[in-house]
Amino acid sequence: MGEAAIVTGSEHAHADGSAGGADRFAWPDDYTALDQGRLRVRPDCAAALQQLGWTSVAAVMDAREIHVLREVDGRDNCTTEIPGAGPAGGPLGVFVKRHRMPVEAGRSAAPQKSPGLAEANAAAACRRASVSTVSVVAAGAVEIAGAGGESARVDSFVMTELMGDRLSAADYWKTKLAGQEPVAADVAEARRGLIGALALATRRLHRASLFHKDLFWNHFFVGQQVDGSFDACLIDLQRLRHISSGWQRCYWELKDLSQMRLAMYARAVGPEDVKLWYRRYFDVDDDAIELSPAQRIWAGLIYARALIRYAGWRWRCLRLGWSGRLPSAASAD
């Protein structure tokens, strides 16, 4: 099946905002196009959204029958239910990010580069890389003209299914796995399962030359399967970038991994579990095989970068009079 990016013009959208041809940041072309192509909707939800009257980007952006969780800097995060779009004709819970992006004077608007579409396209890129991520229900963008016909802003949104009973990896560790000494055998096994799932998701992401730029534990939602294994679902993708080679690839890989390492440090993850994370990330499944010298050097650089970030945080604490303890599961990410 071919692919077409969700744009309002002739260009396809990259997650980093640059333009190009059909590529890994394109959406599948089986989504239903509404509002003259500005809005794309998953086919199984199209009729339910039309029943709500959400047949245009403007209708979603202006919707009031929606619960606003947070509103800051031209963006609001909301939840709502779509009647008839869920299993067996029930309601489908969705999370909606709505962005209102001002356009600088003298610059042309580019709806295809908007945050809402960037995240939707990035989610498709993750799925093609076998990285579990959000299920996109709809996304769209539109240019809002200002006085005199000049562009005032670009409105965009992305709508995804709620995570159900999943928890962020940070909350799961804090509420179910942390602070149990001595560690029971089942808890130790669950810790290893969670660490392994995070490493596998990160490895798949980076092997596809995709980089998150904010890869903390709060951006993974995890669930334990019937067989005891874990699935890690990556969220908050609007900054995702594809970088295939060069120093920038090394830089962003190091940044992603140092953020993961700092998150483990913040939760007092033990040395054996940290070692497991590296082994799973480097795809060394045989415990009898040691990491290669190059892998050990890379692990050292990751740890050094994490310590530099931590030192910067401590310095800010001293300057601003904040608490000197390590960030909590809520604030570290």
Protein backbone atom coordinates (compact mmCIF):
# COMPACT_ATOMS: atom_id res chain seq x y z
CA MET A 1 0.00 0.00 0.00
CA GLY A 2 1.31 3.46 -0.86
CA GLU A 3 1.69 6.27 1.65
CA ALA A 4 0.75 9.93 1.65
CA ALA A 5 1.67 12.52 4.22
CA ILE A 6 -1.10 14.47 5.88
CA VAL A 7 -0.53 17.96 4.59
CA THR A 8 -2.49 20.85 3.20
CA GLY A 9 -0.09 21.61 0.38
CA SER A 10 2.15 19.69 -1.98
CA GLU A 11 4.96 19.01 0.51
CA HIS A 12 5.25 16.04 2.79
CA ALA A 13 5.93 16.56 6.47
CA HIS A 14 9.02 15.62 8.43
CA ALA A 15 8.79 15.37 12.20
CA ASP A 16 11.58 17.93 12.52
CA GLY A 17 9.68 20.43 10.38
CA SER A 18 11.74 20.14 7.22
CA ALA A 19 10.14 19.31 3.91
CA GLY A 20 10.83 16.46 1.55
CA GLY A 21 9.32 13.70 -0.55
CA ALA A 22 7.41 10.63 0.55
CA ASP A 23 9.45 9.10 3.38
CA ARG A 24 9.39 7.44 6.77
CA PHE A 25 7.40 10.36 8.21
CA ALA A 26 4.40 9.81 5.93
CA TRP A 27 1.06 8.58 7.20
CA PRO A 28 -0.68 5.50 5.77
CA ASP A 29 -2.99 6.59 2.98
CA ASP A 30 -6.05 4.69 4.21
CA TYR A 31 -7.15 7.48 6.58
CA THR A 32 -10.31 9.34 5.57
CA ALA A 33 -9.70 12.89 4.32
CA LEU A 34 -12.10 15.62 5.46
CA ASP A 35 -12.10 19.43 5.42
CA GLN A 36 -10.52 19.62 1.95
CA GLY A 37 -7.69 17.35 3.04
CA ARG A 38 -6.78 19.36 6.13
CA LEU A 39 -8.17 16.68 8.46
CA ARG A 40 -7.43 12.94 8.35
CA VAL A 41 -9.47 10.47 10.39
CA ARG A 42 -9.03 6.76 11.04
CA PRO A 43 -11.76 5.08 8.96
CA ASP A 44 -13.38 3.21 11.85
CA CYS A 45 -13.86 6.51 13.71
CA ALA A 46 -14.92 8.73 10.80
CA ALA A 47 -18.67 8.24 11.20
CA ALA A 48 -18.55 8.80 14.98
CA LEU A 49 -16.58 12.05 14.59
CA GLN A 50 -19.03 13.24 11.94
CA GLN A 51 -21.87 12.56 14.37
CA LEU A 52 -20.13 14.89 16.82
CA GLY A 53 -19.83 17.52 14.12
CA TRP A 54 -16.04 17.28 14.13
CA THR A 55 -15.68 17.38 10.36
CA SER A 56 -13.10 20.16 10.20
CA VAL A 57 -9.92 21.19 11.99
CA ALA A 58 -11.70 24.32 13.23
CA ALA A 59 -14.49 22.23 14.78
CA VAL A 60 -12.00 20.19 16.82
CA MET A 61 -9.97 23.26 17.82
CA ASP A 62 -13.12 25.09 18.98
CA ALA A 63 -14.79 22.12 20.70
CA ARG A 64 -16.00 22.87 24.22
CA GLU A 65 -17.49 19.46 25.09
CA ILE A 66 -14.01 18.36 26.09
CA HIS A 67 -12.11 18.19 29.38
CA VAL A 68 -9.03 20.43 29.37
CA LEU A 69 -6.28 18.96 31.55
CA ARG A 70 -3.62 21.58 30.93
CA GLU A 71 -3.32 24.81 29.00
CA VAL A 72 -0.03 26.64 28.45
CA ASP A 73 1.70 28.67 25.73
CA GLY A 74 -0.90 28.22 23.02
CA ARG A 75 -1.35 24.50 23.63
CA ASP A 76 -3.96 22.55 25.56
CA ASN A 77 -4.08 18.87 26.45
CA CYS A 78 -7.57 17.42 26.68
CA THR A 79 -9.52 14.21 27.07
CA THR A 80 -12.96 13.26 25.85
CA GLU A 81 -15.01 10.31 24.63
CA ILE A 82 -16.23 9.61 21.12
CA PRO A 83 -19.61 7.84 21.35
CA GLY A 84 -19.91 4.71 19.23
CA ALA A 85 -16.23 4.52 18.24
CA GLY A 86 -15.10 2.03 20.90
CA PRO A 87 -15.34 -1.76 21.16
CA ALA A 88 -18.84 -3.16 20.62
CA GLY A 89 -20.14 0.29 19.74
CA GLY A 90 -19.21 1.81 23.07
CA PRO A 91 -17.40 5.10 23.67
CA LEU A 92 -13.74 5.52 22.78
CA GLY A 93 -11.61 7.53 25.20
CA VAL A 94 -9.19 9.86 23.42
CA PHE A 95 -6.43 12.30 24.31
CA VAL A 96 -6.26 15.49 22.25
CA LYS A 97 -3.33 17.89 21.91
CA ARG A 98 -4.34 21.21 20.34
CA HIS A 99 -1.67 23.67 19.21
CA ARG A 100 -2.10 27.32 18.20
CA MET A 101 1.20 28.33 16.65
CA PRO A 102 1.75 32.04 15.88
CA VAL A 103 3.28 32.89 12.54
CA GLU A 104 6.06 35.47 12.66
CA ALA A 105 5.53 38.63 10.65
CA GLY A 106 6.91 38.32 7.15
CA ARG A 107 7.01 34.53 7.20
CA SER A 108 4.62 32.25 5.37
CA ALA A 109 2.50 29.74 7.25
CA ALA A 110 3.27 26.04 6.82
CA PRO A 111 0.45 23.86 8.19
CA GLN A 112 2.32 20.73 7.08
CA LYS A 113 5.10 21.60 9.57
CA SER A 114 2.76 22.05 12.53
CA PRO A 115 3.22 20.20 15.86
CA GLY A 116 -0.01 18.24 15.52
CA LEU A 117 0.86 16.77 12.15
CA ALA A 118 4.48 16.26 13.17
CA GLU A 119 3.40 14.03 16.05
CA ALA A 120 0.92 12.09 13.92
CA ASN A 121 3.51 11.44 11.22
CA ALA A 122 6.12 10.53 13.85
CA ALA A 123 3.76 7.96 15.35
CA ALA A 124 3.50 6.30 11.94
CA ALA A 125 7.30 6.30 11.64
CA CYS A 126 7.58 4.56 15.03
CA ARG A 127 5.08 1.90 14.05
CA ARG A 128 7.02 1.15 10.87
CA ALA A 129 10.09 0.70 13.08
CA SER A 130 8.14 -1.79 15.27
CA VAL A 131 8.18 0.66 18.19
CA SER A 132 4.93 0.52 20.15
CA THR A 133 3.38 3.97 20.27
CA VAL A 134 0.10 5.87 20.40
CA SER A 135 -2.80 4.92 18.15
CA VAL A 136 -3.70 8.02 16.13
CA VAL A 137 -7.43 8.56 15.68
CA ALA A 138 -7.25 11.87 13.80
CA ALA A 139 -4.97 14.81 13.08
CA GLY A 140 -5.12 18.00 11.11
CA ALA A 141 -3.86 21.52 10.59
CA VAL A 142 -5.18 24.76 9.13
CA GLU A 143 -3.86 28.25 8.54
CA ILE A 144 -5.86 30.98 10.32
CA ALA A 145 -5.66 34.29 8.47
CA GLY A 146 -5.13 37.52 10.39
CA ALA A 147 -6.02 41.11 9.63
CA GLY A 148 -5.44 42.18 6.04
CA GLY A 149 -5.31 38.59 4.86
CA GLU A 150 -1.93 37.93 6.45
CA SER A 151 -1.32 34.68 8.31
CA ALA A 152 -1.91 35.01 12.03
CA ARG A 153 -1.30 31.45 13.19
CA VAL A 154 -1.46 27.77 12.32
CA ASP A 155 -3.87 25.61 14.32
CA SER A 156 -3.18 21.90 14.53
CA PHE A 157 -4.12 18.91 16.65
CA VAL A 158 -3.46 15.23 17.11
CA MET A 159 -6.02 12.86 18.66
CA THR A 160 -4.91 9.51 20.06
CA GLU A 161 -6.52 6.66 21.98
CA LEU A 162 -6.14 6.77 25.75
CA MET A 163 -3.67 4.33 27.28
CA GLY A 164 -6.23 2.39 29.28
CA ASP A 165 -4.72 0.85 32.40
CA ARG A 166 -1.12 1.51 31.34
CA LEU A 167 1.11 3.63 33.55
CA SER A 168 4.15 5.66 32.69
CA ALA A 169 7.33 3.69 33.34
CA ALA A 170 8.18 6.21 36.06
CA ASP A 171 4.88 5.70 37.88
CA TYR A 172 4.92 1.93 37.38
CA TRP A 173 8.38 1.66 38.95
CA LYS A 174 7.45 3.99 41.81
CA THR A 175 4.14 2.34 42.72
CA LYS A 176 4.83 -1.34 41.98
CA LEU A 177 8.56 -2.03 41.93
CA ALA A 178 10.48 0.50 44.05
CA GLY A 179 11.35 0.45 47.74
CA GLN A 180 11.04 -3.28 48.40
CA GLU A 181 14.06 -4.58 50.29
CA PRO A 182 14.89 -7.37 50.21
CA VAL A 183 13.51 -7.63 46.69
CA ALA A 184 11.10 -10.53 46.20
CA ALA A 185 11.77 -12.85 43.29
CA ASP A 186 8.65 -11.79 41.37
CA VAL A 187 9.48 -8.09 41.83
CA ALA A 188 13.06 -8.66 40.64
CA GLU A 189 11.75 -10.45 37.57
CA ALA A 190 9.26 -7.63 36.88
CA ARG A 191 12.06 -5.07 37.18
CA ARG A 192 14.10 -6.97 34.62
CA GLY A 193 11.09 -7.22 32.33
CA LEU A 194 10.41 -3.50 32.50
CA ILE A 195 14.07 -2.56 31.96
CA GLY A 196 14.29 -4.96 29.03
CA ALA A 197 11.15 -3.55 27.39
CA LEU A 198 12.48 0.01 27.63
CA ALA A 199 15.82 -1.04 26.16
CA LEU A 200 14.17 -2.93 23.30
CA ALA A 201 11.95 0.01 22.36
CA THR A 202 14.93 2.38 22.45
CA ARG A 203 17.05 0.01 20.37
CA ARG A 204 14.37 -0.30 17.69
CA LEU A 205 13.91 3.46 17.63
CA HIS A 206 17.60 4.18 17.13
CA ARG A 207 18.15 1.37 14.62
CA ALA A 208 15.54 3.10 12.48
CA SER A 209 17.63 6.31 12.82
CA LEU A 210 14.84 7.91 14.87
CA PHE A 211 15.63 10.06 17.91
CA HIS A 212 13.12 11.26 20.48
CA LYS A 213 15.04 14.22 21.98
CA ASP A 214 13.22 13.86 25.32
CA LEU A 215 13.60 10.18 26.17
CA PHE A 216 12.71 10.03 29.86
CA TRP A 217 10.66 7.38 31.61
CA ASN A 218 7.54 9.53 31.71
CA HIS A 219 7.40 9.22 27.93
CA PHE A 220 7.04 5.44 28.00
CA PHE A 221 3.71 3.92 29.03
CA VAL A 222 4.06 0.30 30.06
CA GLY A 223 1.73 -2.62 30.57
CA GLN A 224 2.39 -6.15 31.75
CA GLN A 225 1.10 -8.87 29.46
CA VAL A 226 -0.58 -12.13 30.48
CA ASP A 227 2.72 -14.00 30.08
CA GLY A 228 4.45 -11.53 32.42
CA SER A 229 6.35 -9.68 29.71
CA PHE A 230 6.16 -5.88 29.34
CA ASP A 231 5.26 -3.68 26.41
CA ALA A 232 6.65 -0.11 26.37
CA CYS A 233 4.63 2.43 24.39
CA LEU A 234 6.45 5.64 23.41
CA ILE A 235 4.54 8.94 23.56
CA ASP A 236 5.10 12.69 23.09
CA LEU A 237 6.58 12.40 19.63
CA GLN A 238 6.30 15.88 18.12
CA ARG A 239 10.07 16.44 18.36
CA LEU A 240 11.06 13.08 16.85
CA ARG A 241 13.81 13.36 14.23
CA HIS A 242 15.24 11.09 11.59
CA ILE A 243 19.04 11.39 11.29
CA SER A 244 20.78 8.64 9.36
CA SER A 245 24.46 9.58 9.65
CA GLY A 246 27.07 12.06 10.78
CA TRP A 247 27.92 13.70 14.07
CA GLN A 248 24.30 14.76 14.65
CA ARG A 249 23.26 11.11 14.82
CA CYS A 250 25.90 10.45 17.49
CA TYR A 251 24.87 13.59 19.37
CA TRP A 252 21.16 12.77 19.51
CA GLU A 253 21.74 9.11 20.30
CA LEU A 254 23.97 10.13 23.20
CA LYS A 255 21.38 12.66 24.36
CA ASP A 256 18.55 10.10 24.27
CA LEU A 257 20.59 7.47 26.10
CA SER A 258 21.94 9.84 28.75
CA GLN A 259 18.36 10.88 29.51
CA MET A 260 17.44 7.23 29.98
CA ARG A 261 20.51 6.71 32.19
CA LEU A 262 19.66 9.75 34.33
CA ALA A 263 16.10 8.47 34.74
CA MET A 264 17.49 5.15 36.02
CA TYR A 265 19.80 7.00 38.40
CA ALA A 266 16.87 9.06 39.69
CA ARG A 267 15.02 5.87 40.60
CA ALA A 268 17.99 4.12 42.20
CA VAL A 269 17.92 1.35 39.61
CA GLY A 270 20.51 -1.19 40.74
CA PRO A 271 23.77 -1.87 38.89
CA GLU A 272 22.68 -5.30 37.68
CA ASP A 273 19.51 -3.86 36.14
CA VAL A 274 21.51 -1.02 34.56
CA LYS A 275 23.87 -3.62 33.10
CA LEU A 276 20.85 -5.52 31.78
CA TRP A 277 19.58 -2.35 30.11
CA TYR A 278 22.87 -1.90 28.24
CA ARG A 279 22.97 -5.55 27.21
CA ARG A 280 19.42 -5.41 25.83
CA TYR A 281 20.06 -2.10 24.09
CA PHE A 282 23.24 -3.43 22.43
CA ASP A 283 21.39 -6.69 21.62
CA VAL A 284 23.71 -8.88 23.71
CA ASP A 285 21.26 -11.56 24.87
CA ASP A 286 23.81 -14.14 25.97
CA ASP A 287 24.77 -13.30 29.56
CA ALA A 288 28.06 -15.13 29.06
CA ILE A 289 29.17 -12.59 26.45
CA GLU A 290 30.69 -9.33 27.66
CA LEU A 291 30.08 -5.97 26.03
CA SER A 292 32.67 -5.08 23.42
CA PRO A 293 35.30 -2.41 24.17
CA ALA A 294 33.46 0.03 21.89
CA GLN A 295 30.17 -0.65 23.69
CA ARG A 296 31.80 -0.12 27.08
CA ILE A 297 33.27 3.19 25.90
CA TRP A 298 29.85 4.26 24.65
CA ALA A 299 28.28 3.28 27.99
CA GLY A 300 30.91 5.38 29.76
CA LEU A 301 30.12 8.40 27.59
CA ILE A 302 26.41 7.93 28.30
CA TYR A 303 27.05 7.88 32.04
CA ALA A 304 29.32 10.93 31.85
CA ARG A 305 26.68 12.87 29.90
CA ALA A 306 24.05 11.90 32.47
CA LEU A 307 26.27 13.10 35.33
CA ILE A 308 26.86 16.42 33.57
CA ARG A 309 23.11 16.88 33.25
CA TYR A 310 22.63 15.98 36.91
CA ALA A 311 25.37 18.41 37.98
CA GLY A 312 23.64 21.17 36.02
CA TRP A 313 20.39 20.42 37.81
CA ARG A 314 22.09 20.53 41.22
CA TRP A 315 23.66 23.88 40.37
CA ARG A 316 20.25 25.29 39.51
CA CYS A 317 18.94 23.99 42.82
CA LEU A 318 21.67 25.83 44.71
CA ARG A 319 21.12 29.07 42.82
CA LEU A 320 17.33 29.02 43.19
CA GLY A 321 17.14 27.55 46.69
CA TRP A 322 15.30 24.41 45.62
CA SER A 323 15.39 21.10 47.48
CA GLY A 324 18.74 19.41 47.03
CA ARG A 325 17.39 15.89 46.61
CA LEU A 326 17.35 14.07 43.31
CA PRO A 327 14.28 14.78 41.15
CA SER A 328 11.22 12.69 41.90
CA ALA A 329 9.51 10.38 39.44
CA ALA A 330 7.23 13.26 38.54
CA SER A 331 9.82 16.02 38.21
CA ALA A 332 12.82 14.13 36.89
CA ASP A 333 11.14 13.57 33.55
